């Protein structure tokens, strides 16, 4: 009799452990698209300027300081996978235009005149510097002061500590407020 109760208790304990394990897996892992969705942020900085810096050891950096331009900042963060370590990733792209500009259309290397800054945030090597841009960057300002900006860019860059050039395709069509 004692043996039977022990086996039943052992089976129940195993059952509870299995339910707890499956419940924990469900809370930490999403199979539904969009549950931990991607996020895009757009910002306009008036009377500002991009102060860009390059460092062969730590990569490029920027600071938005008071100045004579309008600076646009686009950030897109990829959806986070709770069950994958170090998968967080986001792109960041900034550039500046003259403050009286109400619409623009820049092509290829011409974009380099507007202090473009591109980086990504991830568990990966830092970008040392942008070496070239191909594609288009267009924008127009509406009556309420909002901008519609479209980018379809292939950005060439060097990674800290590497000699070879890499490319990233960046495309977006967003409203900036």
C-alpha atoms as a PDB file:
ATOM      1  CA  UNK A   1       0.000   0.000   0.000  1.00  0.00           C
ATOM      2  CA  UNK A   2       2.781   2.423   0.861  1.00  0.00           C
ATOM      3  CA  UNK A   3       4.424   1.674  -2.516  1.00  0.00           C
ATOM      4  CA  UNK A   4       1.255   2.618  -4.462  1.00  0.00           C
ATOM      5  CA  UNK A   5       0.876   6.020  -2.721  1.00  0.00           C
ATOM      6  CA  UNK A   6       4.519   6.784  -3.399  1.00  0.00           C
ATOM      7  CA  UNK A   7       4.139   6.021  -7.126  1.00  0.00           C
ATOM      8  CA  UNK A   8       0.964   8.113  -7.372  1.00  0.00           C
ATOM      9  CA  UNK A   9       2.686  11.013  -5.601  1.00  0.00           C
ATOM     10  CA  UNK A  10       5.689  10.683  -7.880  1.00  0.00           C
ATOM     11  CA  UNK A  11       3.433  10.718 -10.988  1.00  0.00           C
ATOM     12  CA  UNK A  12       1.532  13.774  -9.722  1.00  0.00           C
ATOM     13  CA  UNK A  13       4.766  15.592  -8.945  1.00  0.00           C
ATOM     14  CA  UNK A  14       6.065  14.810 -12.437  1.00  0.00           C
ATOM     15  CA  UNK A  15       2.775  16.051 -13.925  1.00  0.00           C
ATOM     16  CA  UNK A  16       2.967  19.343 -12.012  1.00  0.00           C
ATOM     17  CA  UNK A  17       6.609  19.786 -13.040  1.00  0.00           C
ATOM     18  CA  UNK A  18       5.680  19.215 -16.689  1.00  0.00           C
ATOM     19  CA  UNK A  19       2.815  21.733 -16.511  1.00  0.00           C
ATOM     20  CA  UNK A  20       5.081  24.301 -14.820  1.00  0.00           C
ATOM     21  CA  UNK A  21       7.786  23.743 -17.433  1.00  0.00           C
ATOM     22  CA  UNK A  22       5.381  24.121 -20.359  1.00  0.00           C
ATOM     23  CA  UNK A  23       3.830  27.206 -18.790  1.00  0.00           C
ATOM     24  CA  UNK A  24       7.254  28.784 -18.324  1.00  0.00           C
ATOM     25  CA  UNK A  25       8.157  28.045 -21.943  1.00  0.00           C
ATOM     26  CA  UNK A  26       4.962  29.649 -23.177  1.00  0.00           C
ATOM     27  CA  UNK A  27       5.574  32.876 -21.235  1.00  0.00           C
ATOM     28  CA  UNK A  28       9.138  33.242 -22.497  1.00  0.00           C
ATOM     29  CA  UNK A  29       8.567  32.352 -26.139  1.00  0.00           C
ATOM     30  CA  UNK A  30       6.145  33.916 -28.568  1.00  0.00           C
ATOM     31  CA  UNK A  31       4.998  32.106 -31.679  1.00  0.00           C
ATOM     32  CA  UNK A  32       2.587  34.903 -32.560  1.00  0.00           C
ATOM     33  CA  UNK A  33       3.965  37.460 -35.019  1.00  0.00           C
ATOM     34  CA  UNK A  34       3.932  41.017 -33.744  1.00  0.00           C
ATOM     35  CA  UNK A  35       3.627  40.153 -30.059  1.00  0.00           C
ATOM     36  CA  UNK A  36       7.060  41.644 -29.389  1.00  0.00           C
ATOM     37  CA  UNK A  37       6.857  43.842 -32.470  1.00  0.00           C
ATOM     38  CA  UNK A  38       9.361  46.068 -34.143  1.00  0.00           C
ATOM     39  CA  UNK A  39       9.376  49.772 -33.332  1.00  0.00           C
ATOM     40  CA  UNK A  40      10.214  52.814 -35.454  1.00  0.00           C
ATOM     41  CA  UNK A  41      10.942  56.267 -34.057  1.00  0.00           C
ATOM     42  CA  UNK A  42      11.392  59.482 -36.046  1.00  0.00           C
ATOM     43  CA  UNK A  43      12.546  62.803 -34.588  1.00  0.00           C
ATOM     44  CA  UNK A  44      13.231  66.301 -35.975  1.00  0.00           C
ATOM     45  CA  UNK A  45      15.702  68.608 -34.212  1.00  0.00           C
ATOM     46  CA  UNK A  46      15.343  72.266 -35.264  1.00  0.00           C
ATOM     47  CA  UNK A  47      18.209  74.757 -34.894  1.00  0.00           C
ATOM     48  CA  UNK A  48      20.621  71.867 -34.447  1.00  0.00           C
ATOM     49  CA  UNK A  49      23.661  70.313 -36.019  1.00  0.00           C
ATOM     50  CA  UNK A  50      25.295  66.891 -36.177  1.00  0.00           C
ATOM     51  CA  UNK A  51      28.746  66.766 -34.645  1.00  0.00           C
ATOM     52  CA  UNK A  52      30.279  63.576 -36.075  1.00  0.00           C
ATOM     53  CA  UNK A  53      33.396  61.849 -34.808  1.00  0.00           C
ATOM     54  CA  UNK A  54      35.326  58.804 -36.016  1.00  0.00           C
ATOM     55  CA  UNK A  55      37.525  56.637 -33.835  1.00  0.00           C
ATOM     56  CA  UNK A  56      39.542  53.703 -35.211  1.00  0.00           C
ATOM     57  CA  UNK A  57      39.174  51.798 -31.937  1.00  0.00           C
ATOM     58  CA  UNK A  58      35.595  52.547 -30.857  1.00  0.00           C
ATOM     59  CA  UNK A  59      33.908  53.465 -34.140  1.00  0.00           C
ATOM     60  CA  UNK A  60      31.936  56.500 -35.164  1.00  0.00           C
ATOM     61  CA  UNK A  61      29.731  58.574 -32.901  1.00  0.00           C
ATOM     62  CA  UNK A  62      27.565  61.649 -33.060  1.00  0.00           C
ATOM     63  CA  UNK A  63      26.197  64.374 -30.887  1.00  0.00           C
ATOM     64  CA  UNK A  64      23.266  66.643 -31.722  1.00  0.00           C
ATOM     65  CA  UNK A  65      24.319  70.146 -30.748  1.00  0.00           C
ATOM     66  CA  UNK A  66      22.848  73.622 -31.146  1.00  0.00           C
ATOM     67  CA  UNK A  67      23.397  74.813 -34.694  1.00  0.00           C
ATOM     68  CA  UNK A  68      22.074  76.174 -37.980  1.00  0.00           C
ATOM     69  CA  UNK A  69      20.448  73.057 -39.478  1.00  0.00           C
ATOM     70  CA  UNK A  70      17.437  70.803 -39.173  1.00  0.00           C
ATOM     71  CA  UNK A  71      18.493  67.297 -38.112  1.00  0.00           C
ATOM     72  CA  UNK A  72      16.412  64.187 -38.858  1.00  0.00           C
ATOM     73  CA  UNK A  73      16.816  61.000 -36.847  1.00  0.00           C
ATOM     74  CA  UNK A  74      15.338  57.626 -37.860  1.00  0.00           C
ATOM     75  CA  UNK A  75      15.593  54.597 -35.558  1.00  0.00           C
ATOM     76  CA  UNK A  76      14.159  51.174 -36.301  1.00  0.00           C
ATOM     77  CA  UNK A  77      14.379  48.426 -33.673  1.00  0.00           C
ATOM     78  CA  UNK A  78      13.808  44.864 -34.774  1.00  0.00           C
ATOM     79  CA  UNK A  79      11.364  42.689 -32.832  1.00  0.00           C
ATOM     80  CA  UNK A  80      13.020  41.086 -29.812  1.00  0.00           C
ATOM     81  CA  UNK A  81      12.962  37.306 -29.501  1.00  0.00           C
ATOM     82  CA  UNK A  82      12.692  36.509 -25.805  1.00  0.00           C
ATOM     83  CA  UNK A  83      14.206  33.044 -26.241  1.00  0.00           C
ATOM     84  CA  UNK A  84      17.331  34.231 -28.118  1.00  0.00           C
ATOM     85  CA  UNK A  85      20.220  35.850 -26.282  1.00  0.00           C
ATOM     86  CA  UNK A  86      21.831  38.979 -27.741  1.00  0.00           C
ATOM     87  CA  UNK A  87      19.474  39.227 -30.739  1.00  0.00           C
ATOM     88  CA  UNK A  88      18.519  42.846 -30.068  1.00  0.00           C
ATOM     89  CA  UNK A  89      19.181  44.972 -33.163  1.00  0.00           C
ATOM     90  CA  UNK A  90      18.350  48.481 -34.304  1.00  0.00           C
ATOM     91  CA  UNK A  91      19.356  50.747 -37.194  1.00  0.00           C
ATOM     92  CA  UNK A  92      19.932  54.448 -36.680  1.00  0.00           C
ATOM     93  CA  UNK A  93      20.205  56.970 -39.528  1.00  0.00           C
ATOM     94  CA  UNK A  94      20.635  60.744 -39.180  1.00  0.00           C
ATOM     95  CA  UNK A  95      21.255  63.621 -41.588  1.00  0.00           C
ATOM     96  CA  UNK A  96      20.823  67.386 -41.669  1.00  0.00           C
ATOM     97  CA  UNK A  97      19.449  69.984 -44.100  1.00  0.00           C
ATOM     98  CA  UNK A  98      19.395  73.778 -44.270  1.00  0.00           C
ATOM     99  CA  UNK A  99      16.566  75.164 -42.064  1.00  0.00           C
ATOM    100  CA  UNK A 100      14.730  76.912 -44.930  1.00  0.00           C
ATOM    101  CA  UNK A 101      14.485  73.640 -46.908  1.00  0.00           C
ATOM    102  CA  UNK A 102      10.893  72.513 -47.570  1.00  0.00           C
ATOM    103  CA  UNK A 103      11.630  69.650 -49.942  1.00  0.00           C
ATOM    104  CA  UNK A 104      14.711  67.805 -51.178  1.00  0.00           C
ATOM    105  CA  UNK A 105      15.814  64.959 -53.405  1.00  0.00           C
ATOM    106  CA  UNK A 106      19.389  63.733 -52.974  1.00  0.00           C
ATOM    107  CA  UNK A 107      21.039  60.960 -54.978  1.00  0.00           C
ATOM    108  CA  UNK A 108      24.024  58.704 -54.330  1.00  0.00           C
ATOM    109  CA  UNK A 109      27.241  60.427 -53.174  1.00  0.00           C
ATOM    110  CA  UNK A 110      25.424  63.805 -53.050  1.00  0.00           C
ATOM    111  CA  UNK A 111      23.889  62.566 -49.763  1.00  0.00           C
ATOM    112  CA  UNK A 112      27.354  62.683 -48.155  1.00  0.00           C
ATOM    113  CA  UNK A 113      27.143  66.515 -48.239  1.00  0.00           C
ATOM    114  CA  UNK A 114      24.366  66.385 -45.596  1.00  0.00           C
ATOM    115  CA  UNK A 115      26.416  64.738 -42.817  1.00  0.00           C
ATOM    116  CA  UNK A 116      24.751  61.325 -42.918  1.00  0.00           C
ATOM    117  CA  UNK A 117      25.332  59.099 -39.924  1.00  0.00           C
ATOM    118  CA  UNK A 118      24.448  55.419 -39.918  1.00  0.00           C
ATOM    119  CA  UNK A 119      25.020  52.855 -37.231  1.00  0.00           C
ATOM    120  CA  UNK A 120      23.442  49.763 -35.809  1.00  0.00           C
ATOM    121  CA  UNK A 121      23.085  48.737 -32.203  1.00  0.00           C
ATOM    122  CA  UNK A 122      23.654  45.065 -31.595  1.00  0.00           C
ATOM    123  CA  UNK A 123      26.026  42.478 -30.187  1.00  0.00           C
ATOM    124  CA  UNK A 124      28.418  43.013 -33.133  1.00  0.00           C
ATOM    125  CA  UNK A 125      31.440  45.143 -34.136  1.00  0.00           C
ATOM    126  CA  UNK A 126      31.007  48.915 -34.354  1.00  0.00           C
ATOM    127  CA  UNK A 127      30.996  50.871 -37.599  1.00  0.00           C
ATOM    128  CA  UNK A 128      34.212  52.859 -37.998  1.00  0.00           C
ATOM    129  CA  UNK A 129      32.986  55.121 -40.809  1.00  0.00           C
ATOM    130  CA  UNK A 130      30.666  55.426 -43.799  1.00  0.00           C
ATOM    131  CA  UNK A 131      32.654  55.024 -47.011  1.00  0.00           C
ATOM    132  CA  UNK A 132      29.891  55.603 -49.569  1.00  0.00           C
ATOM    133  CA  UNK A 133      26.155  55.834 -50.240  1.00  0.00           C
ATOM    134  CA  UNK A 134      24.138  54.836 -53.283  1.00  0.00           C
ATOM    135  CA  UNK A 135      20.422  55.418 -53.709  1.00  0.00           C
ATOM    136  CA  UNK A 136      17.955  58.175 -52.993  1.00  0.00           C
ATOM    137  CA  UNK A 137      16.859  60.270 -50.034  1.00  0.00           C
ATOM    138  CA  UNK A 138      13.786  62.482 -50.560  1.00  0.00           C
ATOM    139  CA  UNK A 139      11.609  64.568 -48.308  1.00  0.00           C
ATOM    140  CA  UNK A 140       8.856  67.153 -48.309  1.00  0.00           C
ATOM    141  CA  UNK A 141       7.403  69.318 -45.575  1.00  0.00           C
ATOM    142  CA  UNK A 142       3.635  69.835 -45.369  1.00  0.00           C
ATOM    143  CA  UNK A 143       1.727  72.911 -44.148  1.00  0.00           C
ATOM    144  CA  UNK A 144       1.557  71.648 -40.553  1.00  0.00           C
ATOM    145  CA  UNK A 145       5.358  71.287 -40.373  1.00  0.00           C
ATOM    146  CA  UNK A 146       5.470  67.487 -40.606  1.00  0.00           C
ATOM    147  CA  UNK A 147       7.856  65.830 -43.029  1.00  0.00           C
ATOM    148  CA  UNK A 148       7.440  62.778 -45.252  1.00  0.00           C
ATOM    149  CA  UNK A 149      10.865  61.259 -45.843  1.00  0.00           C
ATOM    150  CA  UNK A 150      11.737  58.293 -48.043  1.00  0.00           C
ATOM    151  CA  UNK A 151      15.072  56.533 -48.145  1.00  0.00           C
ATOM    152  CA  UNK A 152      16.234  53.733 -50.405  1.00  0.00           C
ATOM    153  CA  UNK A 153      19.936  53.506 -49.655  1.00  0.00           C
ATOM    154  CA  UNK A 154      22.861  51.119 -49.924  1.00  0.00           C
ATOM    155  CA  UNK A 155      25.308  52.319 -47.298  1.00  0.00           C
ATOM    156  CA  UNK A 156      28.934  51.158 -47.548  1.00  0.00           C
ATOM    157  CA  UNK A 157      30.981  51.210 -44.363  1.00  0.00           C
ATOM    158  CA  UNK A 158      34.039  49.869 -42.609  1.00  0.00           C
ATOM    159  CA  UNK A 159      33.772  47.955 -39.357  1.00  0.00           C
ATOM    160  CA  UNK A 160      36.291  48.624 -36.579  1.00  0.00           C
ATOM    161  CA  UNK A 161      39.289  46.337 -36.959  1.00  0.00           C
ATOM    162  CA  UNK A 162      38.417  45.082 -40.464  1.00  0.00           C
ATOM    163  CA  UNK A 163      39.811  46.146 -43.830  1.00  0.00           C
ATOM    164  CA  UNK A 164      36.936  45.001 -46.038  1.00  0.00           C
ATOM    165  CA  UNK A 165      33.944  47.180 -46.781  1.00  0.00           C
ATOM    166  CA  UNK A 166      30.437  46.039 -45.901  1.00  0.00           C
ATOM    167  CA  UNK A 167      27.043  47.172 -47.185  1.00  0.00           C
ATOM    168  CA  UNK A 168      23.682  47.655 -45.558  1.00  0.00           C
ATOM    169  CA  UNK A 169      20.448  48.308 -47.428  1.00  0.00           C
ATOM    170  CA  UNK A 170      18.267  50.825 -45.589  1.00  0.00           C
ATOM    171  CA  UNK A 171      14.790  51.613 -46.865  1.00  0.00           C
ATOM    172  CA  UNK A 172      11.980  53.496 -45.159  1.00  0.00           C
ATOM    173  CA  UNK A 173       9.089  55.823 -45.872  1.00  0.00           C
ATOM    174  CA  UNK A 174       8.093  57.619 -42.680  1.00  0.00           C
ATOM    175  CA  UNK A 175       6.413  60.712 -41.323  1.00  0.00           C
ATOM    176  CA  UNK A 176       8.661  62.882 -39.150  1.00  0.00           C
ATOM    177  CA  UNK A 177       6.953  65.202 -36.645  1.00  0.00           C
END
